[in-house]
Amino acid sequence: MAFIPENNQKKGLGRRIWEQKPFLIMMLPGFLYYIVYKYAPIIMGVMTSVVDYNIRKGLFASKLLNPWYKNYQFFFHSPYFSQLLSNTLLISLAKMMIGMPLAVLLAVFLFECKNLKVRRAVQTITYMPNFLSWVVIYGMCFGLLSESNGLVNGIIRSVTGSSVPFFTSPGIFRGLVIGSDIWKTTGWSAIIYMAAISGIDPCLYEAACIDGAGRVRSIIHVTIPCIMPVVVISLILRCGSILDAGFDQIFVMYNPAVRSTVDIIDTWVYRTGLEQLNISLSSAVGLFKSFVSMLLVVFVNTLARRWGGAIW
């Protein structure tokens, strides 16, 4: 039997941990951050959702609900559940399915634009709305689309003799919500795809040019396939927040006349859970959203594995 030196023998777990002590100490602040601000709220949220939470008594003195799933049952059997879920999914999917292709097209346009001044001007104009709050954007939309004195409605009224109720017509208002979000976020999202396009090997474009491909065919056969992993990762990340649908935007812009078409889960939780101080119900709905988002991320990532774009 060959002799194995003692220092080459397998070390125990405690010895290996002790040898990595400096690195573990470096990891400690980040580890504590995730424990305190990420994992602990999950545990507290689960506990809050199954008790009749009382602010004065606190979480541990609150009584356990009978049955414990009462809040979930209340939300699922609410007459507004199907409407809230459909509105949330429709608005969120529309923003994602329209906004992502437009961001990719904008990035390709900016990359193919050879005039540096035009490229910089367009890029600056398109991503500046991302820095505006929804309160400011609502004020801009109201000034343009107000039925009584809006600029756009003034032009429409001078031509047709009637105005368009942008803020009180449910169908039109939903389109306004989706369109304003796309206008606000497309330019900023295009920066990610611009960075991905900039990282493509120029030799691929040279090879395509030698093969007789023009600019359009180079975009189709080189640019788009090379940035598909980034697009897939963006899609996976967007699916993780598909049940959010933009609470800030809708809360600022909506009104009772259009509530039936733009009322989402978060706005309902704000009214029912927070205004009425039903913290337990809010926690239950938050856990439901997190669970569904997790399933969507896993599902989309499983599909992405077959395309070679998975993130794990």
C-alpha atoms as a PDB file:
ATOM      1  CA  MET A   1       0.000   0.000   0.000  1.00  0.00           C
ATOM      2  CA  ALA A   2       1.363   3.391  -0.970  1.00  0.00           C
ATOM      3  CA  PHE A   3       2.227   5.756   1.856  1.00  0.00           C
ATOM      4  CA  ILE A   4       0.077   8.882   1.948  1.00  0.00           C
ATOM      5  CA  PRO A   5       1.615  11.855   3.758  1.00  0.00           C
ATOM      6  CA  GLU A   6      -0.396  13.135   6.668  1.00  0.00           C
ATOM      7  CA  ASN A   7      -0.734  16.646   5.213  1.00  0.00           C
ATOM      8  CA  ASN A   8      -2.277  15.193   2.051  1.00  0.00           C
ATOM      9  CA  GLN A   9      -4.918  13.177   3.861  1.00  0.00           C
ATOM     10  CA  LYS A  10      -8.461  14.402   3.797  1.00  0.00           C
ATOM     11  CA  LYS A  11      -8.963  17.103   6.420  1.00  0.00           C
ATOM     12  CA  GLY A  12     -11.938  17.288   8.702  1.00  0.00           C
ATOM     13  CA  LEU A  13     -14.764  19.753   8.188  1.00  0.00           C
ATOM     14  CA  GLY A  14     -13.852  21.787  11.249  1.00  0.00           C
ATOM     15  CA  ARG A  15     -10.231  22.102  10.140  1.00  0.00           C
ATOM     16  CA  ARG A  16     -11.253  23.205   6.652  1.00  0.00           C
ATOM     17  CA  ILE A  17     -13.659  25.789   8.072  1.00  0.00           C
ATOM     18  CA  TRP A  18     -10.922  27.111  10.368  1.00  0.00           C
ATOM     19  CA  GLU A  19      -8.537  27.477   7.450  1.00  0.00           C
ATOM     20  CA  GLN A  20     -11.145  29.505   5.540  1.00  0.00           C
ATOM     21  CA  LYS A  21     -11.766  31.772   8.539  1.00  0.00           C
ATOM     22  CA  PRO A  22     -10.688  35.059   6.861  1.00  0.00           C
ATOM     23  CA  PHE A  23     -13.014  34.461   3.924  1.00  0.00           C
ATOM     24  CA  LEU A  24     -15.894  33.476   6.178  1.00  0.00           C
ATOM     25  CA  ILE A  25     -15.438  36.662   8.190  1.00  0.00           C
ATOM     26  CA  MET A  26     -15.570  38.638   4.938  1.00  0.00           C
ATOM     27  CA  MET A  27     -18.821  36.857   4.049  1.00  0.00           C
ATOM     28  CA  LEU A  28     -20.411  37.509   7.439  1.00  0.00           C
ATOM     29  CA  PRO A  29     -21.866  41.030   6.762  1.00  0.00           C
ATOM     30  CA  GLY A  30     -23.527  39.899   3.534  1.00  0.00           C
ATOM     31  CA  PHE A  31     -24.773  36.710   5.200  1.00  0.00           C
ATOM     32  CA  LEU A  32     -26.296  38.687   8.083  1.00  0.00           C
ATOM     33  CA  TYR A  33     -27.891  41.109   5.620  1.00  0.00           C
ATOM     34  CA  TYR A  34     -29.731  38.312   3.819  1.00  0.00           C
ATOM     35  CA  ILE A  35     -30.748  36.659   7.086  1.00  0.00           C
ATOM     36  CA  VAL A  36     -32.173  39.859   8.595  1.00  0.00           C
ATOM     37  CA  TYR A  37     -33.684  41.536   5.526  1.00  0.00           C
ATOM     38  CA  LYS A  38     -34.543  38.590   3.253  1.00  0.00           C
ATOM     39  CA  TYR A  39     -35.120  35.305   5.063  1.00  0.00           C
ATOM     40  CA  ALA A  40     -36.451  36.638   8.366  1.00  0.00           C
ATOM     41  CA  PRO A  41     -39.240  38.655   6.628  1.00  0.00           C
ATOM     42  CA  ILE A  42     -40.272  35.495   4.762  1.00  0.00           C
ATOM     43  CA  ILE A  43     -40.672  33.605   8.037  1.00  0.00           C
ATOM     44  CA  MET A  44     -42.456  36.537   9.677  1.00  0.00           C
ATOM     45  CA  GLY A  45     -44.728  36.905   6.643  1.00  0.00           C
ATOM     46  CA  VAL A  46     -45.732  33.244   6.787  1.00  0.00           C
ATOM     47  CA  MET A  47     -46.508  33.575  10.483  1.00  0.00           C
ATOM     48  CA  THR A  48     -48.463  36.808   9.986  1.00  0.00           C
ATOM     49  CA  SER A  49     -50.629  35.285   7.244  1.00  0.00           C
ATOM     50  CA  VAL A  50     -51.981  32.541   9.543  1.00  0.00           C
ATOM     51  CA  VAL A  51     -52.784  34.659  12.607  1.00  0.00           C
ATOM     52  CA  ASP A  52     -55.284  37.396  13.387  1.00  0.00           C
ATOM     53  CA  TYR A  53     -52.579  40.037  13.574  1.00  0.00           C
ATOM     54  CA  ASN A  54     -53.055  42.736  16.179  1.00  0.00           C
ATOM     55  CA  ILE A  55     -50.750  45.735  16.013  1.00  0.00           C
ATOM     56  CA  ARG A  56     -51.003  46.414  19.754  1.00  0.00           C
ATOM     57  CA  LYS A  57     -50.348  42.833  20.834  1.00  0.00           C
ATOM     58  CA  GLY A  58     -47.703  42.045  18.241  1.00  0.00           C
ATOM     59  CA  LEU A  59     -47.180  38.962  16.154  1.00  0.00           C
ATOM     60  CA  PHE A  60     -46.444  36.374  18.839  1.00  0.00           C
ATOM     61  CA  ALA A  61     -49.399  37.428  21.017  1.00  0.00           C
ATOM     62  CA  SER A  62     -51.891  37.340  18.125  1.00  0.00           C
ATOM     63  CA  LYS A  63     -54.301  34.429  17.941  1.00  0.00           C
ATOM     64  CA  LEU A  64     -53.949  31.681  15.360  1.00  0.00           C
ATOM     65  CA  LEU A  65     -56.719  31.743  12.780  1.00  0.00           C
ATOM     66  CA  ASN A  66     -59.225  28.912  12.711  1.00  0.00           C
ATOM     67  CA  PRO A  67     -58.704  27.524  10.140  1.00  0.00           C
ATOM     68  CA  TRP A  68     -55.142  28.760   9.576  1.00  0.00           C
ATOM     69  CA  TYR A  69     -55.748  29.252   5.825  1.00  0.00           C
ATOM     70  CA  LYS A  70     -58.685  31.610   6.389  1.00  0.00           C
ATOM     71  CA  ASN A  71     -56.995  34.606   4.742  1.00  0.00           C
ATOM     72  CA  TYR A  72     -56.079  32.596   1.657  1.00  0.00           C
ATOM     73  CA  GLN A  73     -59.608  31.239   1.484  1.00  0.00           C
ATOM     74  CA  PHE A  74     -61.042  34.731   1.795  1.00  0.00           C
ATOM     75  CA  PHE A  75     -58.878  36.035  -1.036  1.00  0.00           C
ATOM     76  CA  PHE A  76     -59.479  33.098  -3.386  1.00  0.00           C
ATOM     77  CA  HIS A  77     -63.238  33.184  -2.809  1.00  0.00           C
ATOM     78  CA  SER A  78     -63.444  36.949  -3.130  1.00  0.00           C
ATOM     79  CA  PRO A  79     -65.793  37.991  -5.971  1.00  0.00           C
ATOM     80  CA  TYR A  80     -62.994  40.185  -7.300  1.00  0.00           C
ATOM     81  CA  PHE A  81     -60.295  37.472  -7.401  1.00  0.00           C
ATOM     82  CA  SER A  82     -60.747  36.430 -11.039  1.00  0.00           C
ATOM     83  CA  GLN A  83     -61.030  40.051 -12.166  1.00  0.00           C
ATOM     84  CA  LEU A  84     -57.933  41.088 -10.215  1.00  0.00           C
ATOM     85  CA  LEU A  85     -55.882  38.162 -11.490  1.00  0.00           C
ATOM     86  CA  SER A  86     -56.933  38.652 -15.112  1.00  0.00           C
ATOM     87  CA  ASN A  87     -56.257  42.401 -14.989  1.00  0.00           C
ATOM     88  CA  THR A  88     -52.846  41.844 -13.400  1.00  0.00           C
ATOM     89  CA  LEU A  89     -51.777  39.198 -15.913  1.00  0.00           C
ATOM     90  CA  LEU A  90     -53.151  41.067 -18.924  1.00  0.00           C
ATOM     91  CA  ILE A  91     -51.457  44.370 -18.074  1.00  0.00           C
ATOM     92  CA  SER A  92     -48.176  42.758 -17.048  1.00  0.00           C
ATOM     93  CA  LEU A  93     -47.995  40.432 -20.071  1.00  0.00           C
ATOM     94  CA  ALA A  94     -48.847  43.273 -22.449  1.00  0.00           C
ATOM     95  CA  LYS A  95     -46.086  45.436 -20.996  1.00  0.00           C
ATOM     96  CA  MET A  96     -43.612  42.578 -21.267  1.00  0.00           C
ATOM     97  CA  MET A  97     -44.552  41.197 -24.699  1.00  0.00           C
ATOM     98  CA  ILE A  98     -44.671  44.649 -26.314  1.00  0.00           C
ATOM     99  CA  GLY A  99     -41.934  46.387 -24.338  1.00  0.00           C
ATOM    100  CA  MET A 100     -39.193  43.766 -24.690  1.00  0.00           C
ATOM    101  CA  PRO A 101     -39.290  43.489 -28.528  1.00  0.00           C
ATOM    102  CA  LEU A 102     -39.388  47.288 -28.809  1.00  0.00           C
ATOM    103  CA  ALA A 103     -36.354  47.562 -26.519  1.00  0.00           C
ATOM    104  CA  VAL A 104     -34.467  45.031 -28.666  1.00  0.00           C
ATOM    105  CA  LEU A 105     -35.418  46.865 -31.869  1.00  0.00           C
ATOM    106  CA  LEU A 106     -34.345  50.197 -30.385  1.00  0.00           C
ATOM    107  CA  ALA A 107     -31.007  48.716 -29.317  1.00  0.00           C
ATOM    108  CA  VAL A 108     -30.432  47.289 -32.808  1.00  0.00           C
ATOM    109  CA  PHE A 109     -31.357  50.634 -34.381  1.00  0.00           C
ATOM    110  CA  LEU A 110     -28.953  52.523 -32.146  1.00  0.00           C
ATOM    111  CA  PHE A 111     -26.163  50.038 -32.832  1.00  0.00           C
ATOM    112  CA  GLU A 112     -26.672  50.207 -36.601  1.00  0.00           C
ATOM    113  CA  CYS A 113     -26.853  53.997 -36.616  1.00  0.00           C
ATOM    114  CA  LYS A 114     -23.448  55.221 -37.801  1.00  0.00           C
ATOM    115  CA  ASN A 115     -24.078  58.884 -37.009  1.00  0.00           C
ATOM    116  CA  LEU A 116     -22.737  59.219 -33.469  1.00  0.00           C
ATOM    117  CA  LYS A 117     -24.600  62.473 -32.740  1.00  0.00           C
ATOM    118  CA  VAL A 118     -27.946  61.023 -33.812  1.00  0.00           C
ATOM    119  CA  ARG A 119     -27.305  57.874 -31.777  1.00  0.00           C
ATOM    120  CA  ARG A 120     -26.494  59.822 -28.637  1.00  0.00           C
ATOM    121  CA  ALA A 121     -29.469  62.142 -29.071  1.00  0.00           C
ATOM    122  CA  VAL A 122     -31.948  59.295 -29.613  1.00  0.00           C
ATOM    123  CA  GLN A 123     -30.538  57.273 -26.736  1.00  0.00           C
ATOM    124  CA  THR A 124     -30.714  60.232 -24.374  1.00  0.00           C
ATOM    125  CA  ILE A 125     -34.270  61.121 -25.381  1.00  0.00           C
ATOM    126  CA  THR A 126     -35.506  57.533 -25.066  1.00  0.00           C
ATOM    127  CA  TYR A 127     -34.069  56.687 -21.661  1.00  0.00           C
ATOM    128  CA  MET A 128     -34.744  60.035 -19.954  1.00  0.00           C
ATOM    129  CA  PRO A 129     -38.409  59.182 -19.170  1.00  0.00           C
ATOM    130  CA  ASN A 130     -37.160  56.381 -16.906  1.00  0.00           C
ATOM    131  CA  PHE A 131     -36.024  59.020 -14.391  1.00  0.00           C
ATOM    132  CA  LEU A 132     -39.458  60.665 -14.186  1.00  0.00           C
ATOM    133  CA  SER A 133     -41.829  59.679 -11.398  1.00  0.00           C
ATOM    134  CA  TRP A 134     -45.306  58.433 -12.224  1.00  0.00           C
ATOM    135  CA  VAL A 135     -46.776  61.560 -10.655  1.00  0.00           C
ATOM    136  CA  VAL A 136     -44.953  63.693 -13.231  1.00  0.00           C
ATOM    137  CA  ILE A 137     -45.918  61.356 -16.075  1.00  0.00           C
ATOM    138  CA  TYR A 138     -49.560  61.422 -14.985  1.00  0.00           C
ATOM    139  CA  GLY A 139     -49.455  65.219 -15.020  1.00  0.00           C
ATOM    140  CA  MET A 140     -48.047  65.150 -18.547  1.00  0.00           C
ATOM    141  CA  CYS A 141     -50.686  62.680 -19.722  1.00  0.00           C
ATOM    142  CA  PHE A 142     -53.455  64.710 -18.112  1.00  0.00           C
ATOM    143  CA  GLY A 143     -52.237  67.892 -19.749  1.00  0.00           C
ATOM    144  CA  LEU A 144     -52.212  66.198 -23.152  1.00  0.00           C
ATOM    145  CA  LEU A 145     -55.256  63.911 -22.923  1.00  0.00           C
ATOM    146  CA  SER A 146     -57.682  65.643 -20.585  1.00  0.00           C
ATOM    147  CA  GLU A 147     -61.191  65.558 -22.025  1.00  0.00           C
ATOM    148  CA  SER A 148     -61.930  69.161 -21.153  1.00  0.00           C
ATOM    149  CA  ASN A 149     -58.740  71.085 -21.904  1.00  0.00           C
ATOM    150  CA  GLY A 150     -56.130  68.555 -23.055  1.00  0.00           C
ATOM    151  CA  LEU A 151     -53.993  69.470 -26.067  1.00  0.00           C
ATOM    152  CA  VAL A 152     -54.697  66.230 -27.968  1.00  0.00           C
ATOM    153  CA  ASN A 153     -58.413  66.380 -27.262  1.00  0.00           C
ATOM    154  CA  GLY A 154     -58.418  70.001 -28.400  1.00  0.00           C
ATOM    155  CA  ILE A 155     -57.094  68.914 -31.790  1.00  0.00           C
ATOM    156  CA  ILE A 156     -59.543  66.005 -31.978  1.00  0.00           C
ATOM    157  CA  ARG A 157     -62.439  68.257 -31.011  1.00  0.00           C
ATOM    158  CA  SER A 158     -61.525  70.799 -33.675  1.00  0.00           C
ATOM    159  CA  VAL A 159     -61.558  68.054 -36.325  1.00  0.00           C
ATOM    160  CA  THR A 160     -64.412  65.773 -35.246  1.00  0.00           C
ATOM    161  CA  GLY A 161     -66.447  67.991 -32.923  1.00  0.00           C
ATOM    162  CA  SER A 162     -66.192  65.523 -30.036  1.00  0.00           C
ATOM    163  CA  SER A 163     -63.520  64.518 -27.526  1.00  0.00           C
ATOM    164  CA  VAL A 164     -62.148  61.136 -26.510  1.00  0.00           C
ATOM    165  CA  PRO A 165     -62.540  60.111 -22.821  1.00  0.00           C
ATOM    166  CA  PHE A 166     -59.014  58.786 -22.315  1.00  0.00           C
ATOM    167  CA  PHE A 167     -59.252  58.736 -18.512  1.00  0.00           C
ATOM    168  CA  THR A 168     -62.832  57.511 -18.096  1.00  0.00           C
ATOM    169  CA  SER A 169     -63.163  54.909 -20.853  1.00  0.00           C
ATOM    170  CA  PRO A 170     -62.049  51.521 -19.407  1.00  0.00           C
ATOM    171  CA  GLY A 171     -60.680  50.075 -22.652  1.00  0.00           C
ATOM    172  CA  ILE A 172     -58.822  53.229 -23.690  1.00  0.00           C
ATOM    173  CA  PHE A 173     -57.421  53.793 -20.212  1.00  0.00           C
ATOM    174  CA  ARG A 174     -55.928  50.292 -20.090  1.00  0.00           C
ATOM    175  CA  GLY A 175     -54.115  51.043 -23.342  1.00  0.00           C
ATOM    176  CA  LEU A 176     -52.949  54.342 -21.852  1.00  0.00           C
ATOM    177  CA  VAL A 177     -51.505  52.515 -18.838  1.00  0.00           C
ATOM    178  CA  ILE A 178     -49.657  50.008 -21.014  1.00  0.00           C
ATOM    179  CA  GLY A 179     -48.460  52.615 -23.507  1.00  0.00           C
ATOM    180  CA  SER A 180     -47.159  55.037 -20.887  1.00  0.00           C
ATOM    181  CA  ASP A 181     -45.214  52.260 -19.153  1.00  0.00           C
ATOM    182  CA  ILE A 182     -43.627  51.172 -22.450  1.00  0.00           C
ATOM    183  CA  TRP A 183     -42.726  54.795 -23.237  1.00  0.00           C
ATOM    184  CA  LYS A 184     -41.112  55.175 -19.810  1.00  0.00           C
ATOM    185  CA  THR A 185     -39.087  51.944 -19.688  1.00  0.00           C
ATOM    186  CA  THR A 186     -38.175  50.993 -23.274  1.00  0.00           C
ATOM    187  CA  GLY A 187     -35.189  53.320 -23.607  1.00  0.00           C
ATOM    188  CA  TRP A 188     -33.706  52.209 -20.302  1.00  0.00           C
ATOM    189  CA  SER A 189     -34.204  48.513 -21.129  1.00  0.00           C
ATOM    190  CA  ALA A 190     -32.494  49.017 -24.487  1.00  0.00           C
ATOM    191  CA  ILE A 191     -29.242  49.880 -22.706  1.00  0.00           C
ATOM    192  CA  ILE A 192     -28.889  46.247 -21.594  1.00  0.00           C
ATOM    193  CA  TYR A 193     -29.318  44.957 -25.128  1.00  0.00           C
ATOM    194  CA  MET A 194     -26.972  47.641 -26.463  1.00  0.00           C
ATOM    195  CA  ALA A 195     -24.286  46.339 -24.121  1.00  0.00           C
ATOM    196  CA  ALA A 196     -24.929  42.784 -25.306  1.00  0.00           C
ATOM    197  CA  ILE A 197     -24.700  43.817 -28.960  1.00  0.00           C
ATOM    198  CA  SER A 198     -21.462  45.703 -28.316  1.00  0.00           C
ATOM    199  CA  GLY A 199     -19.934  42.489 -26.982  1.00  0.00           C
ATOM    200  CA  ILE A 200     -20.519  40.538 -30.199  1.00  0.00           C
ATOM    201  CA  ASP A 201     -17.312  39.488 -31.951  1.00  0.00           C
ATOM    202  CA  PRO A 202     -16.815  41.727 -35.058  1.00  0.00           C
ATOM    203  CA  CYS A 203     -15.433  38.693 -36.898  1.00  0.00           C
ATOM    204  CA  LEU A 204     -18.973  37.325 -37.090  1.00  0.00           C
ATOM    205  CA  TYR A 205     -20.138  40.403 -39.001  1.00  0.00           C
ATOM    206  CA  GLU A 206     -17.091  40.204 -41.253  1.00  0.00           C
ATOM    207  CA  ALA A 207     -17.827  36.546 -42.008  1.00  0.00           C
ATOM    208  CA  ALA A 208     -21.458  37.384 -42.763  1.00  0.00           C
ATOM    209  CA  CYS A 209     -20.353  40.205 -45.074  1.00  0.00           C
ATOM    210  CA  ILE A 210     -17.988  37.863 -46.922  1.00  0.00           C
ATOM    211  CA  ASP A 211     -20.872  35.432 -47.377  1.00  0.00           C
ATOM    212  CA  GLY A 212     -22.869  38.200 -49.029  1.00  0.00           C
ATOM    213  CA  ALA A 213     -25.145  39.152 -46.144  1.00  0.00           C
ATOM    214  CA  GLY A 214     -26.373  42.732 -46.019  1.00  0.00           C
ATOM    215  CA  ARG A 215     -27.176  44.730 -42.892  1.00  0.00           C
ATOM    216  CA  VAL A 216     -30.654  43.240 -42.484  1.00  0.00           C
ATOM    217  CA  ARG A 217     -29.458  39.648 -42.866  1.00  0.00           C
ATOM    218  CA  SER A 218     -26.563  40.354 -40.491  1.00  0.00           C
ATOM    219  CA  ILE A 219     -29.066  41.554 -37.895  1.00  0.00           C
ATOM    220  CA  ILE A 220     -31.252  38.468 -38.363  1.00  0.00           C
ATOM    221  CA  HIS A 221     -28.484  35.863 -38.460  1.00  0.00           C
ATOM    222  CA  VAL A 222     -25.796  37.419 -36.226  1.00  0.00           C
ATOM    223  CA  THR A 223     -27.122  40.127 -33.901  1.00  0.00           C
ATOM    224  CA  ILE A 224     -30.391  38.551 -32.767  1.00  0.00           C
ATOM    225  CA  PRO A 225     -28.995  35.021 -32.134  1.00  0.00           C
ATOM    226  CA  CYS A 226     -26.008  36.419 -30.214  1.00  0.00           C
ATOM    227  CA  ILE A 227     -28.141  38.463 -27.822  1.00  0.00           C
ATOM    228  CA  MET A 228     -30.782  35.769 -27.293  1.00  0.00           C
ATOM    229  CA  PRO A 229     -29.192  34.568 -23.993  1.00  0.00           C
ATOM    230  CA  VAL A 230     -29.548  38.110 -22.615  1.00  0.00           C
ATOM    231  CA  VAL A 231     -33.141  38.280 -23.877  1.00  0.00           C
ATOM    232  CA  VAL A 232     -33.953  34.951 -22.217  1.00  0.00           C
ATOM    233  CA  ILE A 233     -32.432  36.066 -18.909  1.00  0.00           C
ATOM    234  CA  SER A 234     -34.449  39.303 -19.084  1.00  0.00           C
ATOM    235  CA  LEU A 235     -37.578  37.257 -19.771  1.00  0.00           C
ATOM    236  CA  ILE A 236     -36.925  35.032 -16.751  1.00  0.00           C
ATOM    237  CA  LEU A 237     -36.403  38.042 -14.505  1.00  0.00           C
ATOM    238  CA  ARG A 238     -39.537  39.743 -15.836  1.00  0.00           C
ATOM    239  CA  CYS A 239     -41.583  36.594 -15.194  1.00  0.00           C
ATOM    240  CA  GLY A 240     -40.521  36.779 -11.550  1.00  0.00           C
ATOM    241  CA  SER A 241     -42.434  40.052 -11.177  1.00  0.00           C
ATOM    242  CA  ILE A 242     -45.308  39.309 -13.522  1.00  0.00           C
ATOM    243  CA  LEU A 243     -47.888  39.688 -10.736  1.00  0.00           C
ATOM    244  CA  ASP A 244     -46.711  43.199  -9.846  1.00  0.00           C
ATOM    245  CA  ALA A 245     -48.028  44.966 -12.980  1.00  0.00           C
ATOM    246  CA  GLY A 246     -46.870  48.376 -11.729  1.00  0.00           C
ATOM    247  CA  PHE A 247     -48.612  49.395  -8.503  1.00  0.00           C
ATOM    248  CA  ASP A 248     -47.100  52.907  -8.445  1.00  0.00           C
ATOM    249  CA  GLN A 249     -48.317  53.712 -11.936  1.00  0.00           C
ATOM    250  CA  ILE A 250     -51.844  52.368 -11.560  1.00  0.00           C
ATOM    251  CA  PHE A 251     -52.329  53.793  -8.065  1.00  0.00           C
ATOM    252  CA  VAL A 252     -51.420  57.264  -9.300  1.00  0.00           C
ATOM    253  CA  MET A 253     -53.384  57.154 -12.562  1.00  0.00           C
ATOM    254  CA  TYR A 254     -56.567  55.152 -12.022  1.00  0.00           C
ATOM    255  CA  ASN A 255     -59.976  56.336 -10.884  1.00  0.00           C
ATOM    256  CA  PRO A 256     -63.312  54.657  -9.970  1.00  0.00           C
ATOM    257  CA  ALA A 257     -64.613  54.933 -13.551  1.00  0.00           C
ATOM    258  CA  VAL A 258     -61.909  52.599 -14.895  1.00  0.00           C
ATOM    259  CA  ARG A 259     -61.268  50.466 -11.822  1.00  0.00           C
ATOM    260  CA  SER A 260     -62.879  47.374 -13.352  1.00  0.00           C
ATOM    261  CA  THR A 261     -60.204  47.089 -16.062  1.00  0.00           C
ATOM    262  CA  VAL A 262     -57.029  48.236 -14.289  1.00  0.00           C
ATOM    263  CA  ASP A 263     -57.601  47.168 -10.686  1.00  0.00           C
ATOM    264  CA  ILE A 264     -54.746  44.753  -9.921  1.00  0.00           C
ATOM    265  CA  ILE A 265     -53.845  42.595  -6.939  1.00  0.00           C
ATOM    266  CA  ASP A 266     -51.585  45.217  -5.345  1.00  0.00           C
ATOM    267  CA  THR A 267     -54.158  48.007  -5.489  1.00  0.00           C
ATOM    268  CA  TRP A 268     -56.790  45.688  -3.998  1.00  0.00           C
ATOM    269  CA  VAL A 269     -54.386  44.729  -1.214  1.00  0.00           C
ATOM    270  CA  TYR A 270     -53.727  48.408  -0.528  1.00  0.00           C
ATOM    271  CA  ARG A 271     -57.426  49.165  -0.176  1.00  0.00           C
ATOM    272  CA  THR A 272     -58.524  46.009   1.610  1.00  0.00           C
ATOM    273  CA  GLY A 273     -55.420  45.131   3.562  1.00  0.00           C
ATOM    274  CA  LEU A 274     -53.631  48.363   4.425  1.00  0.00           C
ATOM    275  CA  GLU A 275     -56.415  50.954   4.554  1.00  0.00           C
ATOM    276  CA  GLN A 276     -58.429  48.597   6.755  1.00  0.00           C
ATOM    277  CA  LEU A 277     -55.270  47.525   8.657  1.00  0.00           C
ATOM    278  CA  ASN A 278     -55.795  43.868   7.748  1.00  0.00           C
ATOM    279  CA  ILE A 279     -52.076  43.060   7.834  1.00  0.00           C
ATOM    280  CA  SER A 280     -52.668  39.311   7.868  1.00  0.00           C
ATOM    281  CA  LEU A 281     -54.563  39.424   4.588  1.00  0.00           C
ATOM    282  CA  SER A 282     -51.844  41.540   2.992  1.00  0.00           C
ATOM    283  CA  SER A 283     -49.198  39.018   4.065  1.00  0.00           C
ATOM    284  CA  ALA A 284     -51.243  36.120   2.692  1.00  0.00           C
ATOM    285  CA  VAL A 285     -51.653  37.761  -0.704  1.00  0.00           C
ATOM    286  CA  GLY A 286     -47.951  38.673  -0.744  1.00  0.00           C
ATOM    287  CA  LEU A 287     -47.003  35.042  -0.126  1.00  0.00           C
ATOM    288  CA  PHE A 288     -49.402  33.920  -2.848  1.00  0.00           C
ATOM    289  CA  LYS A 289     -47.716  36.304  -5.304  1.00  0.00           C
ATOM    290  CA  SER A 290     -44.256  35.132  -4.266  1.00  0.00           C
ATOM    291  CA  PHE A 291     -45.209  31.466  -4.672  1.00  0.00           C
ATOM    292  CA  VAL A 292     -46.679  32.014  -8.133  1.00  0.00           C
ATOM    293  CA  SER A 293     -43.668  34.100  -9.177  1.00  0.00           C
ATOM    294  CA  MET A 294     -41.311  31.341  -8.037  1.00  0.00           C
ATOM    295  CA  LEU A 295     -43.224  28.759 -10.075  1.00  0.00           C
ATOM    296  CA  LEU A 296     -43.133  30.994 -13.142  1.00  0.00           C
ATOM    297  CA  VAL A 297     -39.373  31.570 -12.830  1.00  0.00           C
ATOM    298  CA  VAL A 298     -38.720  27.832 -12.498  1.00  0.00           C
ATOM    299  CA  PHE A 299     -41.023  27.053 -15.426  1.00  0.00           C
ATOM    300  CA  VAL A 300     -39.513  29.650 -17.750  1.00  0.00           C
ATOM    301  CA  ASN A 301     -35.985  28.659 -16.764  1.00  0.00           C
ATOM    302  CA  THR A 302     -36.799  25.018 -17.495  1.00  0.00           C
ATOM    303  CA  LEU A 303     -37.886  26.010 -20.982  1.00  0.00           C
ATOM    304  CA  ALA A 304     -34.799  28.186 -21.358  1.00  0.00           C
ATOM    305  CA  ARG A 305     -32.515  25.244 -20.612  1.00  0.00           C
ATOM    306  CA  ARG A 306     -33.624  23.643 -23.836  1.00  0.00           C
ATOM    307  CA  TRP A 307     -32.590  26.808 -25.685  1.00  0.00           C
ATOM    308  CA  GLY A 308     -29.258  27.102 -23.878  1.00  0.00           C
ATOM    309  CA  GLY A 309     -30.166  30.287 -22.026  1.00  0.00           C
ATOM    310  CA  ALA A 310     -30.789  29.116 -18.480  1.00  0.00           C
ATOM    311  CA  ILE A 311     -29.326  31.058 -15.560  1.00  0.00           C
ATOM    312  CA  TRP A 312     -28.576  27.970 -13.455  1.00  0.00           C
END
